[in-house]
């Protein structure tokens, strides 16, 4: 970071934290990139977006405010010229900088410390955030993890038996009497769009109990009054009053009751027996 009388008189520790190794690549990306409303398959990116080359930051180490800049040159009269920092639409709104190149290092140091960087935890939030730092390694690891999770979920969905498909659909509180292809497609869609939720569902040992309870409600074996948040037998005898919440969460509470007490175990056995009739 080029120091002058006017700019970049920051603490050495701060400058060192922005040092790139030779060959190291960093990527910055413009913020607020949106889908093109005229063509959702494409991104609407400004053709060009400039970052002001001068800013003022608070140097925590020095305990003072410091003017910083992407200084390119300083002539004998003290006149400064600055690097032009632009994000271009034809480059995907990205700016790639490489360690070992003097100009790239100067720009990177400035971008790391300035308040226009949304990824800077010490930025002045009253100033406009223009861009963010893209951690390529972290992004790649996250994308691979998500891809592997989706693959695991889709493979698991493919291997489900017909009975398992019906049980998991019932556990979701959905109608499991529909054609098996429709039910399987619903679970596969869930595995594709939300693989974590799908895997949580099929790995939940209490999912089959929740399926029994939801089927019992649909058959009228037990009743759930959402107004009073109460499960009852058809004769009006109370089974359990749950917290005022959604029906799905209410079923979870009834499952918990059934597995946590002797009385609950007997209730579940009765529900299961009557549901088979």
C-alpha atoms as a PDB file:
ATOM      1  CA  UNK A   1       0.000   0.000   0.000  1.00  0.00           C
ATOM      2  CA  UNK A   2       1.693   3.167  -1.214  1.00  0.00           C
ATOM      3  CA  UNK A   3       2.156   5.611   1.689  1.00  0.00           C
ATOM      4  CA  UNK A   4       2.206   9.360   1.087  1.00  0.00           C
ATOM      5  CA  UNK A   5       1.944  12.434   3.262  1.00  0.00           C
ATOM      6  CA  UNK A   6      -1.804  12.456   2.731  1.00  0.00           C
ATOM      7  CA  UNK A   7      -2.790   8.814   2.443  1.00  0.00           C
ATOM      8  CA  UNK A   8      -2.308   5.311   3.786  1.00  0.00           C
ATOM      9  CA  UNK A   9      -0.511   6.115   7.025  1.00  0.00           C
ATOM     10  CA  UNK A  10      -2.088   3.110   8.676  1.00  0.00           C
ATOM     11  CA  UNK A  11      -0.504   0.806  11.236  1.00  0.00           C
ATOM     12  CA  UNK A  12       1.935  -1.796   9.833  1.00  0.00           C
ATOM     13  CA  UNK A  13      -0.206  -4.620  11.250  1.00  0.00           C
ATOM     14  CA  UNK A  14      -3.170  -3.463   9.176  1.00  0.00           C
ATOM     15  CA  UNK A  15      -1.126  -3.323   5.979  1.00  0.00           C
ATOM     16  CA  UNK A  16       0.370  -6.757   6.668  1.00  0.00           C
ATOM     17  CA  UNK A  17      -3.100  -8.283   6.992  1.00  0.00           C
ATOM     18  CA  UNK A  18      -3.805  -7.360   3.350  1.00  0.00           C
ATOM     19  CA  UNK A  19      -0.596  -8.803   1.892  1.00  0.00           C
ATOM     20  CA  UNK A  20      -1.068 -11.289  -0.949  1.00  0.00           C
ATOM     21  CA  UNK A  21       1.319 -14.154  -1.607  1.00  0.00           C
ATOM     22  CA  UNK A  22       2.806 -14.432  -5.121  1.00  0.00           C
ATOM     23  CA  UNK A  23       0.327 -16.314  -7.296  1.00  0.00           C
ATOM     24  CA  UNK A  24      -2.523 -15.931  -4.803  1.00  0.00           C
ATOM     25  CA  UNK A  25      -5.807 -14.907  -6.410  1.00  0.00           C
ATOM     26  CA  UNK A  26      -8.609 -12.937  -4.769  1.00  0.00           C
ATOM     27  CA  UNK A  27     -12.030 -12.152  -6.176  1.00  0.00           C
ATOM     28  CA  UNK A  28     -14.395  -9.275  -5.438  1.00  0.00           C
ATOM     29  CA  UNK A  29     -17.983  -9.127  -6.667  1.00  0.00           C
ATOM     30  CA  UNK A  30     -20.382  -6.227  -7.051  1.00  0.00           C
ATOM     31  CA  UNK A  31     -23.413  -6.327  -4.748  1.00  0.00           C
ATOM     32  CA  UNK A  32     -27.117  -6.530  -5.561  1.00  0.00           C
ATOM     33  CA  UNK A  33     -26.869  -8.561  -8.738  1.00  0.00           C
ATOM     34  CA  UNK A  34     -30.434  -9.548  -9.632  1.00  0.00           C
ATOM     35  CA  UNK A  35     -32.124 -11.848 -12.116  1.00  0.00           C
ATOM     36  CA  UNK A  36     -33.030 -10.079 -15.336  1.00  0.00           C
ATOM     37  CA  UNK A  37     -36.838  -9.571 -15.138  1.00  0.00           C
ATOM     38  CA  UNK A  38     -37.041  -9.823 -18.944  1.00  0.00           C
ATOM     39  CA  UNK A  39     -35.033 -13.064 -19.004  1.00  0.00           C
ATOM     40  CA  UNK A  40     -34.751 -14.888 -15.629  1.00  0.00           C
ATOM     41  CA  UNK A  41     -32.047 -17.180 -17.045  1.00  0.00           C
ATOM     42  CA  UNK A  42     -29.681 -14.212 -17.124  1.00  0.00           C
ATOM     43  CA  UNK A  43     -28.339 -11.759 -14.553  1.00  0.00           C
ATOM     44  CA  UNK A  44     -28.942  -8.019 -14.648  1.00  0.00           C
ATOM     45  CA  UNK A  45     -25.477  -6.560 -14.017  1.00  0.00           C
ATOM     46  CA  UNK A  46     -24.570  -2.886 -14.500  1.00  0.00           C
ATOM     47  CA  UNK A  47     -22.291  -2.405 -17.493  1.00  0.00           C
ATOM     48  CA  UNK A  48     -19.845  -0.601 -15.209  1.00  0.00           C
ATOM     49  CA  UNK A  49     -19.690   0.306 -11.518  1.00  0.00           C
ATOM     50  CA  UNK A  50     -16.886   2.452 -10.097  1.00  0.00           C
ATOM     51  CA  UNK A  51     -15.487   2.352  -6.572  1.00  0.00           C
ATOM     52  CA  UNK A  52     -14.288   5.698  -5.181  1.00  0.00           C
ATOM     53  CA  UNK A  53     -10.480   5.474  -4.832  1.00  0.00           C
ATOM     54  CA  UNK A  54     -10.364   7.544  -1.622  1.00  0.00           C
ATOM     55  CA  UNK A  55     -11.893   6.773   1.779  1.00  0.00           C
ATOM     56  CA  UNK A  56     -11.413   7.313   5.492  1.00  0.00           C
ATOM     57  CA  UNK A  57     -11.210   4.446   7.975  1.00  0.00           C
ATOM     58  CA  UNK A  58     -10.678   4.030  11.696  1.00  0.00           C
ATOM     59  CA  UNK A  59      -7.359   2.343  12.500  1.00  0.00           C
ATOM     60  CA  UNK A  60      -8.072   0.372  15.673  1.00  0.00           C
ATOM     61  CA  UNK A  61      -4.383  -0.213  16.357  1.00  0.00           C
ATOM     62  CA  UNK A  62      -3.450   3.457  16.023  1.00  0.00           C
ATOM     63  CA  UNK A  63      -6.712   4.606  17.608  1.00  0.00           C
ATOM     64  CA  UNK A  64      -7.264   7.273  14.969  1.00  0.00           C
ATOM     65  CA  UNK A  65      -8.999   7.991  11.676  1.00  0.00           C
ATOM     66  CA  UNK A  66      -6.804   7.629   8.595  1.00  0.00           C
ATOM     67  CA  UNK A  67      -7.353   8.662   4.989  1.00  0.00           C
ATOM     68  CA  UNK A  68      -6.647   5.793   2.624  1.00  0.00           C
ATOM     69  CA  UNK A  69      -6.506   5.671  -1.160  1.00  0.00           C
ATOM     70  CA  UNK A  70      -5.657   3.437  -4.090  1.00  0.00           C
ATOM     71  CA  UNK A  71      -2.641   5.600  -4.920  1.00  0.00           C
ATOM     72  CA  UNK A  72      -1.059   4.946  -8.297  1.00  0.00           C
ATOM     73  CA  UNK A  73       1.556   7.741  -8.472  1.00  0.00           C
ATOM     74  CA  UNK A  74       2.666  10.883  -6.660  1.00  0.00           C
ATOM     75  CA  UNK A  75       4.610  13.537  -8.548  1.00  0.00           C
ATOM     76  CA  UNK A  76       7.308  15.810  -7.022  1.00  0.00           C
ATOM     77  CA  UNK A  77       4.665  18.428  -6.318  1.00  0.00           C
ATOM     78  CA  UNK A  78       2.643  16.001  -4.264  1.00  0.00           C
ATOM     79  CA  UNK A  79      -0.094  15.609  -6.880  1.00  0.00           C
ATOM     80  CA  UNK A  80      -1.728  12.174  -6.627  1.00  0.00           C
ATOM     81  CA  UNK A  81      -3.159   9.953  -9.304  1.00  0.00           C
ATOM     82  CA  UNK A  82      -5.320   6.982  -8.356  1.00  0.00           C
ATOM     83  CA  UNK A  83      -6.038   3.519  -9.701  1.00  0.00           C
ATOM     84  CA  UNK A  84      -9.358   3.274 -11.491  1.00  0.00           C
ATOM     85  CA  UNK A  85     -11.375   0.547  -9.808  1.00  0.00           C
ATOM     86  CA  UNK A  86     -14.257  -0.681 -11.938  1.00  0.00           C
ATOM     87  CA  UNK A  87     -16.553  -3.682 -11.956  1.00  0.00           C
ATOM     88  CA  UNK A  88     -17.721  -4.570 -15.479  1.00  0.00           C
ATOM     89  CA  UNK A  89     -20.888  -6.342 -16.519  1.00  0.00           C
ATOM     90  CA  UNK A  90     -19.101  -8.250 -19.292  1.00  0.00           C
ATOM     91  CA  UNK A  91     -16.874  -9.758 -16.585  1.00  0.00           C
ATOM     92  CA  UNK A  92     -19.814 -10.934 -14.512  1.00  0.00           C
ATOM     93  CA  UNK A  93     -19.509  -8.060 -12.059  1.00  0.00           C
ATOM     94  CA  UNK A  94     -16.276  -9.612 -10.770  1.00  0.00           C
ATOM     95  CA  UNK A  95     -12.831  -8.142 -10.165  1.00  0.00           C
ATOM     96  CA  UNK A  96      -9.936 -10.603  -9.995  1.00  0.00           C
ATOM     97  CA  UNK A  97      -6.618  -9.537  -8.453  1.00  0.00           C
ATOM     98  CA  UNK A  98      -3.366 -11.498  -8.356  1.00  0.00           C
ATOM     99  CA  UNK A  99      -0.582 -11.557  -5.807  1.00  0.00           C
ATOM    100  CA  UNK A 100       2.827 -10.640  -7.188  1.00  0.00           C
ATOM    101  CA  UNK A 101       1.504  -7.760  -9.285  1.00  0.00           C
ATOM    102  CA  UNK A 102       2.207  -4.384  -7.665  1.00  0.00           C
ATOM    103  CA  UNK A 103      -0.914  -2.647  -8.967  1.00  0.00           C
ATOM    104  CA  UNK A 104      -3.158  -5.541  -7.953  1.00  0.00           C
ATOM    105  CA  UNK A 105      -1.630  -5.557  -4.468  1.00  0.00           C
ATOM    106  CA  UNK A 106      -2.255  -1.843  -4.007  1.00  0.00           C
ATOM    107  CA  UNK A 107      -5.858  -2.171  -5.156  1.00  0.00           C
ATOM    108  CA  UNK A 108      -6.421  -5.231  -2.970  1.00  0.00           C
ATOM    109  CA  UNK A 109      -5.077  -3.504   0.142  1.00  0.00           C
ATOM    110  CA  UNK A 110      -7.372  -0.556  -0.474  1.00  0.00           C
ATOM    111  CA  UNK A 111     -10.424  -2.725  -1.203  1.00  0.00           C
ATOM    112  CA  UNK A 112      -9.772  -4.835   1.892  1.00  0.00           C
ATOM    113  CA  UNK A 113      -9.762  -1.839   4.213  1.00  0.00           C
ATOM    114  CA  UNK A 114     -12.251   0.578   2.667  1.00  0.00           C
ATOM    115  CA  UNK A 115     -15.834   1.042   3.818  1.00  0.00           C
ATOM    116  CA  UNK A 116     -17.281   0.148   0.405  1.00  0.00           C
ATOM    117  CA  UNK A 117     -16.409  -3.496   1.085  1.00  0.00           C
ATOM    118  CA  UNK A 118     -19.461  -5.241   2.557  1.00  0.00           C
ATOM    119  CA  UNK A 119     -17.189  -8.056   3.785  1.00  0.00           C
ATOM    120  CA  UNK A 120     -15.118  -5.673   5.911  1.00  0.00           C
ATOM    121  CA  UNK A 121     -16.282  -6.299   9.519  1.00  0.00           C
ATOM    122  CA  UNK A 122     -14.928  -2.912  10.592  1.00  0.00           C
ATOM    123  CA  UNK A 123     -16.594  -0.864   7.871  1.00  0.00           C
ATOM    124  CA  UNK A 124     -18.552   2.315   8.502  1.00  0.00           C
ATOM    125  CA  UNK A 125     -22.091   1.125   7.864  1.00  0.00           C
ATOM    126  CA  UNK A 126     -23.302   4.647   7.119  1.00  0.00           C
ATOM    127  CA  UNK A 127     -21.445   4.449   3.802  1.00  0.00           C
ATOM    128  CA  UNK A 128     -22.704   2.603   0.734  1.00  0.00           C
ATOM    129  CA  UNK A 129     -21.514  -0.978   0.387  1.00  0.00           C
ATOM    130  CA  UNK A 130     -20.622  -1.513  -3.261  1.00  0.00           C
ATOM    131  CA  UNK A 131     -18.923  -4.906  -3.414  1.00  0.00           C
ATOM    132  CA  UNK A 132     -17.997  -7.971  -1.380  1.00  0.00           C
ATOM    133  CA  UNK A 133     -15.050 -10.317  -1.062  1.00  0.00           C
ATOM    134  CA  UNK A 134     -15.648 -13.750  -2.575  1.00  0.00           C
ATOM    135  CA  UNK A 135     -13.868 -16.537  -0.716  1.00  0.00           C
ATOM    136  CA  UNK A 136     -13.383 -18.954  -3.607  1.00  0.00           C
ATOM    137  CA  UNK A 137     -12.219 -21.858  -1.427  1.00  0.00           C
ATOM    138  CA  UNK A 138     -15.069 -21.480   1.044  1.00  0.00           C
ATOM    139  CA  UNK A 139     -17.591 -21.071  -1.775  1.00  0.00           C
ATOM    140  CA  UNK A 140     -16.277 -24.158  -3.584  1.00  0.00           C
ATOM    141  CA  UNK A 141     -16.374 -26.205  -0.384  1.00  0.00           C
ATOM    142  CA  UNK A 142     -19.934 -25.065   0.356  1.00  0.00           C
ATOM    143  CA  UNK A 143     -21.125 -25.810  -3.185  1.00  0.00           C
ATOM    144  CA  UNK A 144     -19.533 -29.267  -3.153  1.00  0.00           C
ATOM    145  CA  UNK A 145     -21.041 -30.002   0.248  1.00  0.00           C
ATOM    146  CA  UNK A 146     -24.488 -28.948  -0.944  1.00  0.00           C
ATOM    147  CA  UNK A 147     -24.084 -30.980  -4.131  1.00  0.00           C
ATOM    148  CA  UNK A 148     -23.074 -34.100  -2.186  1.00  0.00           C
ATOM    149  CA  UNK A 149     -25.966 -33.601   0.234  1.00  0.00           C
ATOM    150  CA  UNK A 150     -28.413 -33.367  -2.658  1.00  0.00           C
ATOM    151  CA  UNK A 151     -26.925 -36.502  -4.250  1.00  0.00           C
ATOM    152  CA  UNK A 152     -27.299 -38.390  -0.967  1.00  0.00           C
ATOM    153  CA  UNK A 153     -30.905 -37.236  -0.579  1.00  0.00           C
ATOM    154  CA  UNK A 154     -31.904 -38.126  -4.144  1.00  0.00           C
ATOM    155  CA  UNK A 155     -30.298 -41.574  -3.887  1.00  0.00           C
ATOM    156  CA  UNK A 156     -32.118 -42.186  -0.612  1.00  0.00           C
ATOM    157  CA  UNK A 157     -35.425 -41.081  -2.136  1.00  0.00           C
ATOM    158  CA  UNK A 158     -34.883 -43.427  -5.091  1.00  0.00           C
ATOM    159  CA  UNK A 159     -34.295 -46.386  -2.751  1.00  0.00           C
ATOM    160  CA  UNK A 160     -37.456 -45.916  -0.658  1.00  0.00           C
ATOM    161  CA  UNK A 161     -39.955 -48.752  -0.744  1.00  0.00           C
ATOM    162  CA  UNK A 162     -43.610 -48.065  -1.456  1.00  0.00           C
ATOM    163  CA  UNK A 163     -44.541 -48.433   2.216  1.00  0.00           C
ATOM    164  CA  UNK A 164     -41.734 -46.077   3.262  1.00  0.00           C
ATOM    165  CA  UNK A 165     -42.911 -43.500   0.737  1.00  0.00           C
ATOM    166  CA  UNK A 166     -46.432 -43.612   2.187  1.00  0.00           C
ATOM    167  CA  UNK A 167     -45.146 -43.407   5.761  1.00  0.00           C
ATOM    168  CA  UNK A 168     -42.985 -40.356   5.117  1.00  0.00           C
ATOM    169  CA  UNK A 169     -45.760 -38.600   3.208  1.00  0.00           C
ATOM    170  CA  UNK A 170     -48.089 -39.281   6.133  1.00  0.00           C
ATOM    171  CA  UNK A 171     -45.412 -38.029   8.532  1.00  0.00           C
ATOM    172  CA  UNK A 172     -45.498 -34.745   6.601  1.00  0.00           C
ATOM    173  CA  UNK A 173     -49.228 -34.574   7.246  1.00  0.00           C
ATOM    174  CA  UNK A 174     -50.030 -35.138   3.563  1.00  0.00           C
ATOM    175  CA  UNK A 175     -52.575 -37.442   1.941  1.00  0.00           C
ATOM    176  CA  UNK A 176     -50.848 -40.807   1.464  1.00  0.00           C
ATOM    177  CA  UNK A 177     -53.766 -42.386  -0.418  1.00  0.00           C
ATOM    178  CA  UNK A 178     -52.758 -40.756  -3.711  1.00  0.00           C
ATOM    179  CA  UNK A 179     -51.007 -42.816  -6.432  1.00  0.00           C
ATOM    180  CA  UNK A 180     -47.556 -44.003  -5.366  1.00  0.00           C
ATOM    181  CA  UNK A 181     -45.864 -42.261  -8.316  1.00  0.00           C
ATOM    182  CA  UNK A 182     -47.320 -38.942  -7.165  1.00  0.00           C
ATOM    183  CA  UNK A 183     -46.136 -39.524  -3.604  1.00  0.00           C
ATOM    184  CA  UNK A 184     -42.659 -40.604  -4.695  1.00  0.00           C
ATOM    185  CA  UNK A 185     -42.366 -37.562  -6.959  1.00  0.00           C
ATOM    186  CA  UNK A 186     -43.257 -35.306  -4.008  1.00  0.00           C
ATOM    187  CA  UNK A 187     -40.502 -36.807  -1.869  1.00  0.00           C
ATOM    188  CA  UNK A 188     -37.978 -36.670  -4.700  1.00  0.00           C
ATOM    189  CA  UNK A 189     -38.831 -33.014  -5.268  1.00  0.00           C
ATOM    190  CA  UNK A 190     -38.280 -32.380  -1.558  1.00  0.00           C
ATOM    191  CA  UNK A 191     -34.933 -34.192  -1.726  1.00  0.00           C
ATOM    192  CA  UNK A 192     -33.951 -32.015  -4.675  1.00  0.00           C
ATOM    193  CA  UNK A 193     -35.073 -28.651  -3.290  1.00  0.00           C
ATOM    194  CA  UNK A 194     -34.325 -29.150   0.425  1.00  0.00           C
ATOM    195  CA  UNK A 195     -32.045 -32.176   0.848  1.00  0.00           C
ATOM    196  CA  UNK A 196     -31.311 -31.475   4.512  1.00  0.00           C
ATOM    197  CA  UNK A 197     -34.989 -31.413   5.484  1.00  0.00           C
ATOM    198  CA  UNK A 198     -35.566 -34.615   3.496  1.00  0.00           C
ATOM    199  CA  UNK A 199     -32.675 -36.443   5.177  1.00  0.00           C
ATOM    200  CA  UNK A 200     -33.827 -35.217   8.583  1.00  0.00           C
ATOM    201  CA  UNK A 201     -37.253 -36.655   7.799  1.00  0.00           C
ATOM    202  CA  UNK A 202     -36.140 -40.129   6.746  1.00  0.00           C
ATOM    203  CA  UNK A 203     -33.560 -40.385   9.551  1.00  0.00           C
ATOM    204  CA  UNK A 204     -36.077 -39.402  12.212  1.00  0.00           C
ATOM    205  CA  UNK A 205     -36.909 -42.562  14.140  1.00  0.00           C
ATOM    206  CA  UNK A 206     -40.210 -41.035  15.247  1.00  0.00           C
ATOM    207  CA  UNK A 207     -41.360 -40.279  11.693  1.00  0.00           C
ATOM    208  CA  UNK A 208     -43.354 -43.525  11.524  1.00  0.00           C
ATOM    209  CA  UNK A 209     -45.151 -42.622  14.774  1.00  0.00           C
ATOM    210  CA  UNK A 210     -45.990 -39.207  13.388  1.00  0.00           C
ATOM    211  CA  UNK A 211     -47.337 -40.916  10.262  1.00  0.00           C
ATOM    212  CA  UNK A 212     -49.632 -43.085  12.408  1.00  0.00           C
ATOM    213  CA  UNK A 213     -50.915 -40.024  14.287  1.00  0.00           C
ATOM    214  CA  UNK A 214     -51.578 -38.029  11.111  1.00  0.00           C
ATOM    215  CA  UNK A 215     -53.400 -40.995   9.561  1.00  0.00           C
ATOM    216  CA  UNK A 216     -55.442 -41.381  12.743  1.00  0.00           C
ATOM    217  CA  UNK A 217     -56.523 -37.750  12.516  1.00  0.00           C
ATOM    218  CA  UNK A 218     -57.470 -38.108   8.839  1.00  0.00           C
ATOM    219  CA  UNK A 219     -59.517 -41.241   9.627  1.00  0.00           C
ATOM    220  CA  UNK A 220     -61.227 -39.676  12.637  1.00  0.00           C
ATOM    221  CA  UNK A 221     -59.662 -42.150  15.066  1.00  0.00           C
ATOM    222  CA  UNK A 222     -58.560 -39.143  17.089  1.00  0.00           C
ATOM    223  CA  UNK A 223     -59.547 -35.497  16.726  1.00  0.00           C
ATOM    224  CA  UNK A 224     -57.474 -32.340  16.847  1.00  0.00           C
ATOM    225  CA  UNK A 225     -59.152 -29.045  17.693  1.00  0.00           C
ATOM    226  CA  UNK A 226     -56.873 -26.220  16.529  1.00  0.00           C
ATOM    227  CA  UNK A 227     -58.851 -23.667  18.553  1.00  0.00           C
ATOM    228  CA  UNK A 228     -58.143 -25.372  21.871  1.00  0.00           C
ATOM    229  CA  UNK A 229     -54.929 -27.083  20.651  1.00  0.00           C
ATOM    230  CA  UNK A 230     -56.263 -30.353  22.036  1.00  0.00           C
ATOM    231  CA  UNK A 231     -56.246 -33.969  20.889  1.00  0.00           C
ATOM    232  CA  UNK A 232     -59.316 -35.952  21.951  1.00  0.00           C
ATOM    233  CA  UNK A 233     -60.986 -39.291  21.324  1.00  0.00           C
ATOM    234  CA  UNK A 234     -64.204 -39.133  19.288  1.00  0.00           C
ATOM    235  CA  UNK A 235     -66.218 -39.315  22.530  1.00  0.00           C
ATOM    236  CA  UNK A 236     -64.663 -36.041  23.676  1.00  0.00           C
ATOM    237  CA  UNK A 237     -62.227 -37.545  26.182  1.00  0.00           C
ATOM    238  CA  UNK A 238     -59.018 -35.522  26.228  1.00  0.00           C
ATOM    239  CA  UNK A 239     -55.753 -37.096  25.157  1.00  0.00           C
ATOM    240  CA  UNK A 240     -53.345 -34.144  25.253  1.00  0.00           C
ATOM    241  CA  UNK A 241     -53.401 -30.359  25.090  1.00  0.00           C
ATOM    242  CA  UNK A 242     -50.401 -29.033  23.191  1.00  0.00           C
ATOM    243  CA  UNK A 243     -48.869 -25.606  22.806  1.00  0.00           C
ATOM    244  CA  UNK A 244     -50.744 -23.277  20.482  1.00  0.00           C
ATOM    245  CA  UNK A 245     -48.893 -23.956  17.264  1.00  0.00           C
ATOM    246  CA  UNK A 246     -49.309 -25.506  13.820  1.00  0.00           C
ATOM    247  CA  UNK A 247     -50.879 -28.903  13.333  1.00  0.00           C
ATOM    248  CA  UNK A 248     -47.523 -30.364  12.255  1.00  0.00           C
ATOM    249  CA  UNK A 249     -45.828 -29.249  15.458  1.00  0.00           C
ATOM    250  CA  UNK A 250     -48.811 -30.487  17.442  1.00  0.00           C
ATOM    251  CA  UNK A 251     -48.262 -33.975  16.029  1.00  0.00           C
ATOM    252  CA  UNK A 252     -44.617 -33.768  17.121  1.00  0.00           C
ATOM    253  CA  UNK A 253     -45.758 -32.934  20.658  1.00  0.00           C
ATOM    254  CA  UNK A 254     -48.132 -35.886  20.719  1.00  0.00           C
ATOM    255  CA  UNK A 255     -45.312 -38.159  19.533  1.00  0.00           C
ATOM    256  CA  UNK A 256     -43.096 -36.845  22.348  1.00  0.00           C
ATOM    257  CA  UNK A 257     -45.875 -37.550  24.838  1.00  0.00           C
ATOM    258  CA  UNK A 258     -46.278 -41.082  23.506  1.00  0.00           C
ATOM    259  CA  UNK A 259     -42.586 -41.942  23.859  1.00  0.00           C
ATOM    260  CA  UNK A 260     -41.922 -40.219  27.181  1.00  0.00           C
ATOM    261  CA  UNK A 261     -44.467 -41.814  29.487  1.00  0.00           C
ATOM    262  CA  UNK A 262     -46.210 -45.098  30.187  1.00  0.00           C
ATOM    263  CA  UNK A 263     -49.583 -43.425  29.686  1.00  0.00           C
ATOM    264  CA  UNK A 264     -48.449 -42.030  26.360  1.00  0.00           C
ATOM    265  CA  UNK A 265     -47.231 -45.444  25.241  1.00  0.00           C
ATOM    266  CA  UNK A 266     -50.672 -46.935  25.932  1.00  0.00           C
ATOM    267  CA  UNK A 267     -52.329 -44.033  24.067  1.00  0.00           C
ATOM    268  CA  UNK A 268     -50.172 -44.668  21.023  1.00  0.00           C
ATOM    269  CA  UNK A 269     -50.867 -48.396  21.083  1.00  0.00           C
ATOM    270  CA  UNK A 270     -54.604 -47.660  21.133  1.00  0.00           C
ATOM    271  CA  UNK A 271     -54.293 -45.136  18.287  1.00  0.00           C
ATOM    272  CA  UNK A 272     -52.245 -47.592  16.244  1.00  0.00           C
ATOM    273  CA  UNK A 273     -54.722 -50.430  16.864  1.00  0.00           C
ATOM    274  CA  UNK A 274     -57.806 -48.392  16.004  1.00  0.00           C
ATOM    275  CA  UNK A 275     -56.143 -46.970  12.870  1.00  0.00           C
ATOM    276  CA  UNK A 276     -55.739 -50.465  11.419  1.00  0.00           C
ATOM    277  CA  UNK A 277     -59.471 -51.176  11.540  1.00  0.00           C
END
